[in-house]
Amino acid sequence: MSPAAATATAAAAAADGDRSEIAFFDLETTVPTRAGQPFAILEFGAILVCPRKLVELESYSTLVRPSDLSLISSLSVRCNGITHDAVVSAPSFADIADKVHDILHGRIWAGHNILRFDCARLREAFAEIGRPAPEPKGTIDSLALLTQKFGRRAGDMKMATLASYFGLGQQTHRSLDDVRMNLEVVKYCATVLFLESSLPDIFTANSWISPNATTRSRSNGKFSNGGSSVSSSTSGQKVESDRILSLASQGEGEAHPIFSLVTPNADEVVKSDTVRPDAFSMDSLSVDLRAEPLLSDVAMEEQPDNQDSDMSVSSPAAASEGCSGYAGFLEPEEVSIPSIRASLVPFYRGSQRIQLSHKGAILQLCCNQLRVRFGVNDRFLNNAGRPKFSFVVDISPTLCQVLDACDGIAQKLSVDSGSSSEWKSVVIRKNGFANSPTIRLHIPTVNADVPRYETEIYRKESSGSSEKLVFSQCNIEEIKPLLSTGTSVDACFSLDHYDFQQNSGIRLVAKKLFIYSN
């Protein structure tokens, strides 16, 4: 398509009110260096793509001057190369808000990890200037889409990894380059899936991927704008979505082929087929991403809450002496730090993660009489939109020493294996805050029809006897009073490595909790 034809097509569509183009967009932002520090948009880039031909129709990009230039740290510059000098004369977000709104509002949005990052940053930016944010009529998050449909055969699902897998070159972490790379990655993945679906018995027989595998749950036309760079091409990532916005039904028999990628209904979770689903069918895509702030554990400061509980009657369980001596778990005093090892092990669909071991066995710890400093609250949500159940406890010097050693060993392997993510220390330290280190213990949940806790939770009486607690559902109001500030717990927990959205570290996942009765 010639530039003139592309421009004419887009203009005609706009004139008819048919905003059917897909708006691939990307933001580059500052990187917070301390708890509570906000993100600031440094660059906005977008392309409009024809959904029938997947060709770029128009493009727009501009650097953005943040209201507080001091937010541009050396870490931000290392991530995207955008310096203080580069944006000092750029337009502010208020200056480009009309253009951004016009590009995005009423169109299908697409991007890599936009539901968990870019959408939130946009809403924050519009709220800061007192303007309503644009709304999409549908959303395609290629991170969620490709994780479910293409799988992790390329490794992790970062855009740079996917681009390298297909030989598309290096990611520049500049908005316009990244959205064009995003479009090409989607094309390549779709082509592979199309070929696999055409001869599933042959392709899947010679591939590691199972045909039943499903995942759980990242032109020369131009928009004119003063002070903005306009790019053109004929070819053609990141916290928030309260829901995946639905795309209105076309009902004309001319639905765009790409529309099957869009979540069909905001209130409906579409489950994938259980028997040999078509590898190319996108109808089973199920994503329910909710707000999850990109904050380290240090930033998660809870306040105690001593509400009464409606917890159902607990069932008795065999008496236990607590976690001490629990098979497979070591007390900190039993750990020999020179015997701790870190290794890369297969994880999920071709990816790897770091596993910590001690004398040849997976390292898991148990600790008695941990005091809760901050109890559970509902400010942070998981991918399914449910509260993240976690709490903060004070730790002993011995446990602190063991975890610091694990951090150092795992971080070294992370760097040696090529990860560029920022390592988050598992031990939380705050100067002047009682000078006492803490850790965050996570209580994982199973996202079934009726969510349940994976952690075994017991109430421990002063006599030493314990009873297992049975919960009707994962309810924040039920678990809050059990883990209020000052409560003592015995905990058995694993040390799980994570590497997500340029953040990595060790997450402490509770396997068993013995909560002392007050």
Protein backbone atom coordinates (compact mmCIF):
# COMPACT_ATOMS: atom_id res chain seq x y z
CA MET A 1 0.00 0.00 0.00
CA SER A 2 1.38 3.40 -0.98
CA PRO A 3 1.75 6.13 1.64
CA ALA A 4 -0.91 8.20 -0.05
CA ALA A 5 -3.34 5.27 -0.15
CA ALA A 6 -2.65 4.43 3.48
CA THR A 7 -3.27 8.00 4.55
CA ALA A 8 -6.45 8.17 2.49
CA THR A 9 -7.70 4.91 3.99
CA ALA A 10 -7.11 6.15 7.52
CA ALA A 11 -8.70 9.51 6.78
CA ALA A 12 -11.77 7.88 5.28
CA ALA A 13 -12.12 5.58 8.26
CA ALA A 14 -11.87 8.50 10.65
CA ALA A 15 -14.41 10.48 8.68
CA ASP A 16 -16.86 7.57 8.84
CA GLY A 17 -16.35 7.17 12.53
CA ASP A 18 -15.05 3.65 11.86
CA ARG A 19 -12.06 3.56 14.21
CA SER A 20 -11.33 -0.06 13.31
CA GLU A 21 -7.57 0.30 13.17
CA ILE A 22 -5.56 -1.43 15.87
CA ALA A 23 -3.47 1.01 17.88
CA PHE A 24 -0.20 -0.64 18.87
CA PHE A 25 1.43 1.63 21.43
CA ASP A 26 4.28 1.68 23.91
CA LEU A 27 5.51 3.96 26.68
CA GLU A 28 9.02 4.52 27.92
CA THR A 29 9.11 5.71 31.51
CA THR A 30 11.42 6.51 34.36
CA VAL A 31 12.28 3.67 36.73
CA PRO A 32 11.46 4.34 40.40
CA THR A 33 14.50 3.99 42.64
CA ARG A 34 12.73 4.11 45.99
CA ALA A 35 9.44 3.11 47.51
CA GLY A 36 6.57 5.45 46.68
CA GLN A 37 8.35 7.18 43.82
CA PRO A 38 6.06 7.55 40.79
CA PHE A 39 6.69 6.61 37.18
CA ALA A 40 6.99 9.44 34.67
CA ILE A 41 6.36 9.06 30.94
CA LEU A 42 9.43 9.89 28.85
CA GLU A 43 8.22 8.78 25.42
CA PHE A 44 5.00 7.78 23.69
CA GLY A 45 4.93 5.89 20.42
CA ALA A 46 2.05 4.36 18.45
CA ILE A 47 1.22 2.89 15.07
CA LEU A 48 -2.20 2.35 13.55
CA VAL A 49 -2.48 -1.05 11.89
CA CYS A 50 -5.03 -2.30 9.39
CA PRO A 51 -6.70 -5.35 10.99
CA ARG A 52 -7.36 -7.02 7.63
CA LYS A 53 -3.85 -6.77 6.22
CA LEU A 54 -1.72 -6.14 9.33
CA VAL A 55 0.08 -3.27 7.62
CA GLU A 56 1.06 -0.04 9.29
CA LEU A 57 -1.09 2.90 8.24
CA GLU A 58 0.21 5.74 10.39
CA SER A 59 2.71 6.35 13.14
CA TYR A 60 3.39 8.91 15.83
CA SER A 61 6.07 9.30 18.47
CA THR A 62 7.33 12.00 20.75
CA LEU A 63 9.58 12.42 23.72
CA VAL A 64 7.83 13.76 26.82
CA ARG A 65 9.22 16.13 29.43
CA PRO A 66 8.25 14.97 32.92
CA SER A 67 7.12 17.57 35.43
CA ASP A 68 9.96 16.47 37.71
CA LEU A 69 13.18 16.01 35.75
CA SER A 70 14.92 14.59 38.82
CA LEU A 71 12.96 11.36 38.26
CA ILE A 72 15.32 10.56 35.38
CA SER A 73 17.89 8.47 37.24
CA SER A 74 20.92 6.65 35.94
CA LEU A 75 18.86 3.45 36.13
CA SER A 76 16.26 4.96 33.81
CA VAL A 77 18.94 6.01 31.34
CA ARG A 78 20.42 2.50 31.36
CA CYS A 79 16.99 1.04 30.58
CA ASN A 80 15.98 3.19 27.60
CA GLY A 81 18.80 5.64 26.90
CA ILE A 82 16.55 8.69 27.38
CA THR A 83 18.53 11.35 29.22
CA HIS A 84 17.69 14.58 31.01
CA ASP A 85 19.07 16.60 28.09
CA ALA A 86 16.99 14.63 25.57
CA VAL A 87 13.65 15.64 27.11
CA VAL A 88 14.36 19.06 28.60
CA SER A 89 12.94 20.80 25.50
CA ALA A 90 10.31 18.13 24.70
CA PRO A 91 6.56 18.81 25.11
CA SER A 92 4.93 17.98 28.41
CA PHE A 93 2.25 15.29 28.59
CA ALA A 94 -0.40 18.01 28.80
CA ASP A 95 0.88 19.30 25.45
CA ILE A 96 0.38 15.95 23.71
CA ALA A 97 -2.68 14.73 25.62
CA ASP A 98 -5.12 15.65 22.84
CA LYS A 99 -3.08 13.78 20.25
CA VAL A 100 -2.66 10.70 22.43
CA HIS A 101 -6.39 10.68 23.21
CA ASP A 102 -7.27 10.97 19.53
CA ILE A 103 -4.97 8.11 18.57
CA LEU A 104 -6.20 5.70 21.22
CA HIS A 105 -9.78 6.48 22.15
CA GLY A 106 -12.37 4.10 20.71
CA ARG A 107 -9.84 1.87 19.00
CA ILE A 108 -8.53 -1.60 19.73
CA TRP A 109 -5.36 -1.30 21.79
CA ALA A 110 -2.45 -3.67 21.37
CA GLY A 111 0.95 -3.94 22.97
CA HIS A 112 3.24 -6.14 25.00
CA ASN A 113 2.21 -6.21 28.67
CA ILE A 114 0.08 -3.10 28.26
CA LEU A 115 -2.61 -4.33 30.63
CA ARG A 116 -0.18 -4.47 33.50
CA PHE A 117 1.87 -1.37 32.77
CA ASP A 118 1.14 1.04 29.92
CA CYS A 119 -2.61 1.33 30.61
CA ALA A 120 -1.94 2.26 34.21
CA ARG A 121 0.72 4.81 33.32
CA LEU A 122 -1.62 6.44 30.79
CA ARG A 123 -4.47 6.70 33.26
CA GLU A 124 -2.13 8.17 35.85
CA ALA A 125 -0.82 10.73 33.36
CA PHE A 126 -4.31 11.84 32.31
CA ALA A 127 -5.47 11.99 35.94
CA GLU A 128 -2.48 14.18 36.79
CA ILE A 129 -3.61 16.82 34.29
CA GLY A 130 -7.28 16.47 35.23
CA ARG A 131 -8.37 14.94 31.93
CA PRO A 132 -10.43 11.77 31.28
CA ALA A 133 -8.27 8.99 29.90
CA PRO A 134 -8.99 7.40 26.52
CA GLU A 135 -10.83 4.07 26.54
CA PRO A 136 -10.36 1.16 24.14
CA LYS A 137 -13.12 -0.85 22.53
CA GLY A 138 -10.95 -3.94 22.85
CA THR A 139 -7.51 -4.90 24.10
CA ILE A 140 -4.89 -7.31 22.78
CA ASP A 141 -2.06 -7.87 25.24
CA SER A 142 0.54 -9.83 23.30
CA LEU A 143 2.28 -10.94 26.50
CA ALA A 144 -0.81 -12.79 27.73
CA LEU A 145 -1.84 -13.89 24.25
CA LEU A 146 1.52 -15.35 23.24
CA THR A 147 2.16 -16.90 26.64
CA GLN A 148 -1.05 -18.87 26.26
CA LYS A 149 -1.02 -19.64 22.55
CA PHE A 150 2.64 -19.69 21.51
CA GLY A 151 4.06 -20.83 24.84
CA ARG A 152 7.53 -20.31 26.22
CA ARG A 153 9.37 -22.15 23.49
CA ALA A 154 11.42 -18.99 22.91
CA GLY A 155 12.36 -18.71 26.58
CA ASP A 156 10.90 -15.97 28.73
CA MET A 157 8.22 -13.81 27.17
CA LYS A 158 10.15 -10.55 27.08
CA MET A 159 9.97 -8.73 23.77
CA ALA A 160 13.76 -8.85 23.41
CA THR A 161 13.76 -12.64 23.79
CA LEU A 162 10.95 -13.16 21.30
CA ALA A 163 12.60 -10.84 18.78
CA SER A 164 15.90 -12.68 19.14
CA TYR A 165 14.14 -16.02 18.67
CA PHE A 166 12.78 -14.88 15.31
CA GLY A 167 15.97 -13.07 14.27
CA LEU A 168 14.37 -9.63 14.33
CA GLY A 169 17.35 -7.88 15.88
CA GLN A 170 17.84 -6.25 19.25
CA GLN A 171 15.17 -4.36 21.14
CA THR A 172 16.02 -0.67 21.42
CA HIS A 173 13.58 0.13 24.26
CA ARG A 174 12.34 3.14 22.29
CA SER A 175 8.61 3.39 21.82
CA LEU A 176 8.19 3.42 18.05
CA ASP A 177 10.83 0.76 17.44
CA ASP A 178 9.29 -1.45 20.09
CA VAL A 179 5.73 -1.31 18.76
CA ARG A 180 6.92 -2.16 15.26
CA MET A 181 8.91 -5.06 16.68
CA ASN A 182 5.81 -6.09 18.63
CA LEU A 183 3.74 -6.26 15.46
CA GLU A 184 6.39 -8.34 13.69
CA VAL A 185 6.63 -10.76 16.62
CA VAL A 186 2.85 -11.25 16.56
CA LYS A 187 2.98 -11.94 12.83
CA TYR A 188 5.75 -14.51 13.22
CA CYS A 189 4.05 -16.27 16.11
CA ALA A 190 0.74 -16.36 14.27
CA THR A 191 2.42 -17.84 11.20
CA VAL A 192 4.05 -20.61 13.23
CA LEU A 193 0.74 -21.42 14.93
CA PHE A 194 -1.05 -21.42 11.58
CA LEU A 195 1.44 -23.89 10.12
CA GLU A 196 1.23 -26.11 13.19
CA SER A 197 -2.55 -26.14 13.02
CA SER A 198 -2.47 -27.15 9.35
CA LEU A 199 -0.56 -30.38 10.10
CA PRO A 200 -0.91 -30.84 13.85
CA ASP A 201 0.02 -34.53 13.93
CA ILE A 202 3.30 -33.86 12.14
CA PHE A 203 4.34 -30.60 13.73
CA THR A 204 3.36 -31.48 17.28
CA ALA A 205 4.95 -34.93 16.96
CA ASN A 206 8.29 -33.30 16.23
CA SER A 207 7.95 -30.55 18.79
CA TRP A 208 8.19 -30.36 22.54
CA ILE A 209 4.83 -28.64 22.75
CA SER A 210 1.76 -30.71 23.47
CA PRO A 211 -1.32 -30.13 21.30
CA ASN A 212 -3.35 -30.05 24.50
CA ALA A 213 -1.00 -27.69 26.31
CA THR A 214 -2.65 -24.73 27.98
CA THR A 215 -1.23 -22.16 30.32
CA ARG A 216 -2.35 -20.67 33.56
CA SER A 217 -2.59 -17.79 33.99
CA ARG A 218 3.00 -9.96 28.80
CA SER A 219 3.79 4.24 5.62
CA ASN A 220 4.58 7.42 5.49
CA GLY A 221 1.36 8.70 6.83
CA LYS A 222 1.78 10.91 9.85
CA PHE A 223 0.11 12.58 12.76
CA SER A 224 1.42 16.12 12.84
CA ASN A 225 2.45 17.61 16.15
CA GLY A 226 4.85 20.36 16.98
CA GLY A 227 8.03 19.25 18.63
CA SER A 228 7.31 15.60 17.95
CA SER A 229 9.13 13.16 15.74
CA VAL A 230 7.04 11.54 13.02
CA SER A 231 8.13 8.20 11.57
CA SER A 232 6.83 6.04 8.76
CA SER A 233 7.09 2.43 7.66
CA THR A 234 5.26 -0.15 5.62
CA SER A 235 6.17 -2.93 8.07
CA GLY A 236 5.34 -2.81 10.94
CA GLN A 237 5.47 -3.13 27.29
CA LYS A 238 3.66 -3.35 30.95
CA VAL A 239 0.05 -2.45 35.66
CA GLU A 240 -3.47 -1.90 35.12
CA SER A 241 -6.71 -3.10 33.71
CA ASP A 242 -9.70 -3.55 35.93
CA ARG A 243 -10.98 -5.78 33.19
CA ILE A 244 -10.34 -6.64 29.57
CA LEU A 245 -12.59 -4.38 27.65
CA SER A 246 -14.96 -6.14 25.33
CA LEU A 247 -15.16 -5.59 21.60
CA ALA A 248 -18.61 -4.87 20.30
CA SER A 249 -19.96 -7.59 18.10
CA GLN A 250 -19.71 -6.79 14.41
CA GLY A 251 -22.75 -8.85 13.43
CA GLU A 252 -22.23 -8.13 9.73
CA GLY A 253 -20.40 -11.29 8.70
CA GLU A 254 -17.32 -9.19 8.03
CA ALA A 255 -15.58 -9.53 11.37
CA HIS A 256 -11.89 -8.82 11.06
CA PRO A 257 -9.72 -11.93 11.36
CA ILE A 258 -7.73 -10.20 14.08
CA PHE A 259 -10.86 -9.66 16.18
CA SER A 260 -10.68 -13.22 17.45
CA LEU A 261 -7.63 -12.12 19.43
CA VAL A 262 -9.63 -9.65 21.47
CA THR A 263 -11.22 -10.68 24.74
CA PRO A 264 -14.89 -11.12 23.81
CA ASN A 265 -16.57 -10.11 27.06
CA ALA A 266 -15.32 -8.21 30.06
CA ASP A 267 -17.37 -10.24 32.53
CA GLU A 268 -16.80 -13.66 31.03
CA VAL A 269 -13.75 -15.85 31.41
CA VAL A 270 -13.39 -18.03 28.33
CA LYS A 271 -11.87 -21.40 29.12
CA SER A 272 -9.57 -23.16 26.70
CA ASP A 273 -10.62 -26.45 25.16
CA THR A 274 -9.60 -29.59 26.93
CA VAL A 275 -9.36 -31.87 23.89
CA ARG A 276 -6.90 -31.04 21.13
CA PRO A 277 -7.73 -27.37 20.63
CA ASP A 278 -6.85 -25.76 17.35
CA ALA A 279 -3.41 -24.27 17.97
CA PHE A 280 -4.30 -21.27 15.87
CA SER A 281 -7.70 -20.60 17.38
CA MET A 282 -7.64 -17.56 19.60
CA ASP A 283 -11.20 -17.96 20.85
CA SER A 284 -10.11 -19.66 24.04
CA LEU A 285 -7.88 -16.84 25.17
CA SER A 286 -8.59 -16.16 28.82
CA VAL A 287 -6.99 -13.25 30.58
CA ASP A 288 -8.17 -11.55 33.74
CA LEU A 289 -5.38 -9.15 34.61
CA ARG A 290 -5.95 -6.71 37.42
CA ALA A 291 -4.08 -3.92 39.11
CA GLU A 292 -0.80 -5.04 40.64
CA PRO A 293 1.55 -2.16 41.42
CA LEU A 294 5.15 -2.65 40.39
CA LEU A 295 6.53 -2.16 43.86
CA SER A 296 9.18 -4.05 45.72
CA ASP A 297 8.41 -5.65 49.05
CA VAL A 298 9.99 -2.63 50.70
CA ALA A 299 7.19 -0.46 49.36
CA MET A 300 4.40 -2.63 50.69
CA GLU A 301 3.79 -1.11 54.11
CA GLU A 302 0.61 -2.35 55.71
CA GLN A 303 -1.19 -1.08 58.73
CA PRO A 304 -2.49 -3.49 61.39
CA ASP A 305 -6.12 -4.43 61.24
CA ASN A 306 -7.86 -6.20 64.12
CA GLN A 307 -11.28 -6.94 62.67
CA ASP A 308 -13.34 -9.92 63.79
CA SER A 309 -13.55 -12.87 61.45
CA ASP A 310 -16.42 -14.81 59.91
CA MET A 311 -14.16 -17.80 59.36
CA SER A 312 -16.04 -21.08 59.22
CA VAL A 313 -15.63 -23.65 61.95
CA SER A 314 -12.26 -25.30 61.64
CA SER A 315 -11.83 -29.03 61.52
CA PRO A 316 -9.51 -30.75 63.95
CA ALA A 317 -6.19 -32.07 62.76
CA ALA A 318 -3.54 -34.23 64.26
CA ALA A 319 -1.51 -32.49 66.92
CA SER A 320 1.74 -30.99 65.70
CA GLU A 321 4.79 -29.62 67.36
CA GLY A 322 4.93 -26.77 64.88
CA CYS A 323 7.29 -26.65 61.89
CA SER A 324 10.39 -27.63 63.80
CA GLY A 325 11.57 -30.96 62.48
CA TYR A 326 9.08 -30.93 59.58
CA ALA A 327 10.42 -33.25 56.88
CA GLY A 328 12.21 -31.42 54.07
CA PHE A 329 12.52 -28.12 55.94
CA LEU A 330 15.59 -26.86 57.81
CA GLU A 331 15.81 -24.44 60.69
CA PRO A 332 18.23 -21.56 60.03
CA GLU A 333 20.66 -22.97 62.61
CA GLU A 334 20.82 -26.22 60.61
CA VAL A 335 21.94 -24.49 57.41
CA SER A 336 25.61 -24.53 56.49
CA ILE A 337 26.07 -21.44 54.30
CA PRO A 338 29.07 -22.90 52.36
CA SER A 339 26.79 -25.80 51.38
CA ILE A 340 24.20 -23.56 49.68
CA ARG A 341 24.21 -23.89 45.89
CA ALA A 342 22.25 -22.24 43.08
CA SER A 343 21.53 -23.87 39.74
CA LEU A 344 19.34 -23.28 36.68
CA VAL A 345 16.52 -25.80 36.34
CA PRO A 346 13.75 -26.20 33.72
CA PHE A 347 10.70 -24.23 34.68
CA TYR A 348 7.81 -23.53 32.34
CA ARG A 349 7.58 -24.26 28.63
CA GLY A 350 11.25 -24.08 27.90
CA SER A 351 12.18 -21.37 30.37
CA GLN A 352 14.51 -21.78 33.34
CA ARG A 353 14.61 -20.49 36.86
CA ILE A 354 17.10 -20.52 39.71
CA GLN A 355 16.80 -23.22 42.34
CA LEU A 356 18.58 -23.09 45.68
CA SER A 357 19.80 -26.31 47.26
CA HIS A 358 21.59 -27.38 50.43
CA LYS A 359 23.76 -30.50 50.45
CA GLY A 360 22.03 -31.80 47.35
CA ALA A 361 18.42 -31.19 48.50
CA ILE A 362 16.10 -28.30 47.64
CA LEU A 363 16.53 -25.64 50.31
CA GLN A 364 13.36 -24.99 52.31
CA LEU A 365 13.24 -23.36 55.72
CA CYS A 366 11.16 -23.50 58.86
CA CYS A 367 11.17 -20.86 61.59
CA ASN A 368 9.40 -20.70 64.94
CA GLN A 369 7.88 -17.76 66.75
CA LEU A 370 8.03 -15.23 63.90
CA ARG A 371 6.31 -12.01 64.95
CA VAL A 372 3.95 -10.38 62.45
CA ARG A 373 4.87 -6.74 61.85
CA PHE A 374 2.38 -6.01 59.06
CA GLY A 375 -0.67 -8.20 58.53
CA VAL A 376 -2.54 -9.06 55.37
CA ASN A 377 -4.42 -6.35 53.47
CA ASP A 378 -6.24 -6.12 50.14
CA ARG A 379 -4.33 -3.28 48.49
CA PHE A 380 -2.42 -5.56 46.14
CA LEU A 381 -4.05 -7.91 43.62
CA ASN A 382 -2.82 -10.92 41.70
CA ASN A 383 -3.29 -11.69 38.00
CA ALA A 384 -6.80 -13.00 38.63
CA GLY A 385 -7.83 -9.78 40.37
CA ARG A 386 -7.89 -11.35 43.83
CA PRO A 387 -6.03 -10.01 46.85
CA LYS A 388 -2.41 -11.06 47.19
CA PHE A 389 -2.26 -12.73 50.55
CA SER A 390 1.08 -11.93 52.13
CA PHE A 391 2.34 -10.52 55.40
CA VAL A 392 5.57 -9.17 56.89
CA VAL A 393 7.38 -10.69 59.86
CA ASP A 394 10.44 -9.80 61.90
CA ILE A 395 13.32 -12.24 61.54
CA SER A 396 16.24 -13.41 63.64
CA PRO A 397 19.88 -12.57 62.87
CA THR A 398 20.53 -16.21 61.95
CA LEU A 399 17.68 -16.33 59.42
CA CYS A 400 18.80 -12.95 58.08
CA GLN A 401 22.31 -14.32 57.54
CA VAL A 402 21.03 -17.40 55.69
CA LEU A 403 18.72 -15.39 53.43
CA ASP A 404 21.40 -12.81 52.65
CA ALA A 405 23.68 -15.67 51.58
CA CYS A 406 20.93 -17.15 49.39
CA ASP A 407 20.34 -13.71 47.85
CA GLY A 408 24.01 -13.26 46.98
CA ILE A 409 24.41 -16.73 45.47
CA ALA A 410 21.20 -16.53 43.42
CA GLN A 411 21.86 -12.98 42.25
CA LYS A 412 25.31 -13.95 40.96
CA LEU A 413 23.83 -16.80 38.93
CA SER A 414 21.11 -14.47 37.64
CA VAL A 415 23.71 -12.00 36.36
CA ASP A 416 25.96 -14.75 34.98
CA SER A 417 23.03 -16.25 33.07
CA GLY A 418 22.40 -12.95 31.27
CA SER A 419 19.44 -11.48 33.14
CA SER A 420 19.26 -7.69 33.06
CA SER A 421 16.51 -7.49 35.68
CA GLU A 422 17.02 -5.51 38.85
CA TRP A 423 17.53 -7.83 41.81
CA LYS A 424 15.24 -7.22 44.81
CA SER A 425 16.65 -8.27 48.17
CA VAL A 426 14.56 -10.85 50.00
CA VAL A 427 15.39 -9.24 53.34
CA ILE A 428 13.65 -5.90 53.85
CA ARG A 429 15.73 -3.30 55.64
CA LYS A 430 14.71 0.23 56.56
CA ASN A 431 17.01 2.68 58.22
CA GLY A 432 15.56 4.04 61.42
CA PHE A 433 12.55 1.72 61.36
CA ALA A 434 13.25 -0.18 64.58
CA ASN A 435 16.51 -1.26 62.91
CA SER A 436 15.03 -4.71 62.49
CA PRO A 437 15.09 -6.65 59.20
CA THR A 438 11.88 -8.26 57.96
CA ILE A 439 10.70 -10.62 55.24
CA ARG A 440 7.45 -11.03 53.37
CA LEU A 441 5.76 -14.43 53.42
CA HIS A 442 3.33 -15.18 50.59
CA ILE A 443 0.22 -17.36 50.89
CA PRO A 444 -0.47 -18.65 47.36
CA THR A 445 -3.98 -19.41 46.16
CA VAL A 446 -5.34 -21.79 43.56
CA ASN A 447 -7.40 -19.94 40.96
CA ALA A 448 -10.14 -22.55 40.65
CA ASP A 449 -13.91 -22.03 40.43
CA VAL A 450 -13.77 -21.77 44.20
CA PRO A 451 -10.35 -20.29 45.04
CA ARG A 452 -8.51 -21.95 47.90
CA TYR A 453 -5.24 -21.52 49.75
CA GLU A 454 -2.31 -23.70 48.76
CA THR A 455 -0.78 -23.10 52.19
CA GLU A 456 -1.83 -25.40 55.03
CA ILE A 457 -2.93 -23.12 57.87
CA TYR A 458 -3.24 -24.26 61.47
CA ARG A 459 -4.26 -22.58 64.71
CA LYS A 460 -1.80 -23.40 67.50
CA GLU A 461 -3.01 -23.38 71.09
CA SER A 462 -0.89 -22.48 74.10
CA SER A 463 -1.00 -26.16 75.08
CA GLY A 464 0.93 -27.01 71.92
CA SER A 465 -1.95 -28.75 70.14
CA SER A 466 -2.98 -27.58 66.67
CA GLU A 467 -6.06 -27.73 64.50
CA LYS A 468 -6.20 -27.27 60.78
CA LEU A 469 -8.30 -24.33 59.65
CA VAL A 470 -10.81 -24.85 56.85
CA PHE A 471 -11.89 -21.81 54.85
CA SER A 472 -15.00 -21.60 52.71
CA GLN A 473 -13.16 -19.36 50.25
CA CYS A 474 -10.16 -17.05 49.96
CA ASN A 475 -11.61 -14.11 51.84
CA ILE A 476 -9.46 -11.23 53.03
CA GLU A 477 -11.81 -10.62 55.95
CA GLU A 478 -11.33 -14.17 57.17
CA ILE A 479 -7.57 -14.17 57.21
CA LYS A 480 -6.89 -10.59 58.33
CA PRO A 481 -7.58 -11.10 62.04
CA LEU A 482 -5.54 -14.30 62.12
CA LEU A 483 -2.36 -12.52 61.01
CA SER A 484 -2.70 -9.16 62.71
CA THR A 485 0.27 -7.19 64.00
CA GLY A 486 1.95 -8.83 66.97
CA THR A 487 0.71 -12.36 66.23
CA SER A 488 3.32 -15.13 66.41
CA VAL A 489 3.57 -17.79 63.72
CA ASP A 490 5.65 -20.85 62.96
CA ALA A 491 6.29 -20.98 59.23
CA CYS A 492 7.59 -23.55 56.75
CA PHE A 493 8.42 -21.88 53.45
CA SER A 494 10.14 -22.39 50.10
CA LEU A 495 12.53 -19.99 48.37
CA ASP A 496 11.18 -19.46 44.87
CA HIS A 497 13.05 -17.47 42.24
CA TYR A 498 11.12 -14.99 40.06
CA ASP A 499 12.14 -12.82 37.11
CA PHE A 500 9.31 -10.63 35.88
CA GLN A 501 9.00 -7.17 34.34
CA GLN A 502 12.69 -6.36 34.85
CA ASN A 503 12.48 -7.30 38.54
CA SER A 504 13.92 -10.49 39.97
CA GLY A 505 14.63 -11.99 43.34
CA ILE A 506 13.54 -14.67 45.79
CA ARG A 507 9.93 -15.00 46.90
CA LEU A 508 9.26 -16.77 50.19
CA VAL A 509 6.18 -18.97 49.75
CA ALA A 510 4.52 -20.36 52.87
CA LYS A 511 3.82 -24.09 52.74
CA LYS A 512 2.63 -24.46 56.34
CA LEU A 513 1.65 -21.85 58.89
CA PHE A 514 0.99 -22.44 62.57
CA ILE A 515 -0.70 -19.32 63.95
CA TYR A 516 -0.59 -18.87 67.71
CA SER A 517 -3.87 -18.13 69.44
CA ASN A 518 -3.90 -14.71 71.08
